[in-house]
Amino acid sequence: MTNITLSIENQVYSEMKKYSEIKWSEFIRKAIKQRIEELTQIDQNKNTEGILTMLASEQTLKKDWDNEADERWNHV
């Protein structure tokens, strides 16, 4: 097994220490493995990649743009 070093903010580390029962290394290993599986599926289905990217971008933009501060632009 290969070892890697991960840098995190001090505040995040302090929060992690509150939950010492969690095996953070195992958590990160599983998260990385899951992300690789997702990326592999996208690579295997290249013709759907554009659709997935478009949907993800639309959701991100909607979240970023749908807020009360920007509502004033709807009446310009």
C-alpha atoms as a PDB file:
ATOM      1  CA  MET A   1       0.000   0.000   0.000  1.00  0.00           C
ATOM      2  CA  THR A   2       1.271   3.476  -0.861  1.00  0.00           C
ATOM      3  CA  ASN A   3       1.232   6.335   1.648  1.00  0.00           C
ATOM      4  CA  ILE A   4       0.304   9.908   0.766  1.00  0.00           C
ATOM      5  CA  THR A   5       0.458  13.134   2.749  1.00  0.00           C
ATOM      6  CA  LEU A   6      -2.591  15.362   2.943  1.00  0.00           C
ATOM      7  CA  SER A   7      -2.583  18.994   4.065  1.00  0.00           C
ATOM      8  CA  ILE A   8      -5.705  20.387   5.697  1.00  0.00           C
ATOM      9  CA  GLU A   9      -6.547  23.617   7.445  1.00  0.00           C
ATOM     10  CA  ASN A  10      -5.967  23.769  11.211  1.00  0.00           C
ATOM     11  CA  GLN A  11      -9.648  24.440  11.852  1.00  0.00           C
ATOM     12  CA  VAL A  12     -10.650  21.320   9.920  1.00  0.00           C
ATOM     13  CA  TYR A  13      -8.110  19.267  11.867  1.00  0.00           C
ATOM     14  CA  SER A  14      -9.508  20.574  15.150  1.00  0.00           C
ATOM     15  CA  GLU A  15     -12.998  19.540  14.077  1.00  0.00           C
ATOM     16  CA  MET A  16     -11.727  16.101  13.047  1.00  0.00           C
ATOM     17  CA  LYS A  17     -10.193  15.588  16.499  1.00  0.00           C
ATOM     18  CA  LYS A  18     -13.664  16.010  18.038  1.00  0.00           C
ATOM     19  CA  TYR A  19     -14.680  12.822  16.251  1.00  0.00           C
ATOM     20  CA  SER A  20     -11.725  10.652  17.167  1.00  0.00           C
ATOM     21  CA  GLU A  21     -13.818   7.476  16.801  1.00  0.00           C
ATOM     22  CA  ILE A  22     -13.813   7.984  13.022  1.00  0.00           C
ATOM     23  CA  LYS A  23     -10.931   6.383  11.167  1.00  0.00           C
ATOM     24  CA  TRP A  24     -10.228   9.348   8.911  1.00  0.00           C
ATOM     25  CA  SER A  25      -7.687   7.498   6.761  1.00  0.00           C
ATOM     26  CA  GLU A  26     -10.265   4.849   5.935  1.00  0.00           C
ATOM     27  CA  PHE A  27     -12.873   7.522   5.243  1.00  0.00           C
ATOM     28  CA  ILE A  28     -10.570   9.288   2.782  1.00  0.00           C
ATOM     29  CA  ARG A  29      -9.572   5.989   1.111  1.00  0.00           C
ATOM     30  CA  LYS A  30     -13.254   5.194   0.503  1.00  0.00           C
ATOM     31  CA  ALA A  31     -13.986   8.711  -0.789  1.00  0.00           C
ATOM     32  CA  ILE A  32     -11.084   8.545  -3.242  1.00  0.00           C
ATOM     33  CA  LYS A  33     -12.105   5.077  -4.410  1.00  0.00           C
ATOM     34  CA  GLN A  34     -15.708   6.218  -4.937  1.00  0.00           C
ATOM     35  CA  ARG A  35     -14.600   9.252  -6.955  1.00  0.00           C
ATOM     36  CA  ILE A  36     -12.327   7.103  -9.135  1.00  0.00           C
ATOM     37  CA  GLU A  37     -15.246   4.738  -9.813  1.00  0.00           C
ATOM     38  CA  GLU A  38     -17.419   7.717 -10.817  1.00  0.00           C
ATOM     39  CA  LEU A  39     -14.732   9.072 -13.138  1.00  0.00           C
ATOM     40  CA  THR A  40     -14.198   5.627 -14.649  1.00  0.00           C
ATOM     41  CA  GLN A  41     -17.910   5.379 -15.435  1.00  0.00           C
ATOM     42  CA  ILE A  42     -17.806   8.789 -17.106  1.00  0.00           C
ATOM     43  CA  ASP A  43     -14.765   7.715 -19.139  1.00  0.00           C
ATOM     44  CA  GLN A  44     -16.558   4.550 -20.252  1.00  0.00           C
ATOM     45  CA  ASN A  45     -19.623   6.527 -21.333  1.00  0.00           C
ATOM     46  CA  LYS A  46     -18.002   9.412 -23.211  1.00  0.00           C
ATOM     47  CA  ASN A  47     -21.179  10.275 -25.132  1.00  0.00           C
ATOM     48  CA  THR A  48     -23.026  10.996 -21.862  1.00  0.00           C
ATOM     49  CA  GLU A  49     -20.183  13.014 -20.355  1.00  0.00           C
ATOM     50  CA  GLY A  50     -21.363  16.216 -22.009  1.00  0.00           C
ATOM     51  CA  ILE A  51     -24.862  15.772 -20.616  1.00  0.00           C
ATOM     52  CA  LEU A  52     -23.556  15.077 -17.092  1.00  0.00           C
ATOM     53  CA  THR A  53     -21.257  18.088 -17.241  1.00  0.00           C
ATOM     54  CA  MET A  54     -24.081  20.276 -18.497  1.00  0.00           C
ATOM     55  CA  LEU A  55     -26.436  19.132 -15.728  1.00  0.00           C
ATOM     56  CA  ALA A  56     -23.791  19.590 -13.042  1.00  0.00           C
ATOM     57  CA  SER A  57     -22.965  23.048 -14.361  1.00  0.00           C
ATOM     58  CA  GLU A  58     -26.636  24.002 -14.484  1.00  0.00           C
ATOM     59  CA  GLN A  59     -27.171  22.928 -10.878  1.00  0.00           C
ATOM     60  CA  THR A  60     -24.060  24.781  -9.712  1.00  0.00           C
ATOM     61  CA  LEU A  61     -25.016  27.933 -11.571  1.00  0.00           C
ATOM     62  CA  LYS A  62     -28.595  27.775 -10.286  1.00  0.00           C
ATOM     63  CA  LYS A  63     -27.368  27.487  -6.708  1.00  0.00           C
ATOM     64  CA  ASP A  64     -24.919  30.351  -7.168  1.00  0.00           C
ATOM     65  CA  TRP A  65     -27.352  32.627  -8.965  1.00  0.00           C
ATOM     66  CA  ASP A  66     -30.607  31.977  -7.116  1.00  0.00           C
ATOM     67  CA  ASN A  67     -30.345  34.307  -4.171  1.00  0.00           C
ATOM     68  CA  GLU A  68     -32.217  37.323  -2.904  1.00  0.00           C
ATOM     69  CA  ALA A  69     -29.394  39.758  -3.653  1.00  0.00           C
ATOM     70  CA  ASP A  70     -29.665  38.962  -7.341  1.00  0.00           C
ATOM     71  CA  GLU A  71     -33.465  39.164  -7.489  1.00  0.00           C
ATOM     72  CA  ARG A  72     -33.246  42.893  -8.142  1.00  0.00           C
ATOM     73  CA  TRP A  73     -31.894  42.115 -11.628  1.00  0.00           C
ATOM     74  CA  ASN A  74     -35.147  40.358 -12.566  1.00  0.00           C
ATOM     75  CA  HIS A  75     -36.903  43.730 -12.726  1.00  0.00           C
ATOM     76  CA  VAL A  76     -34.356  45.670 -14.769  1.00  0.00           C
END
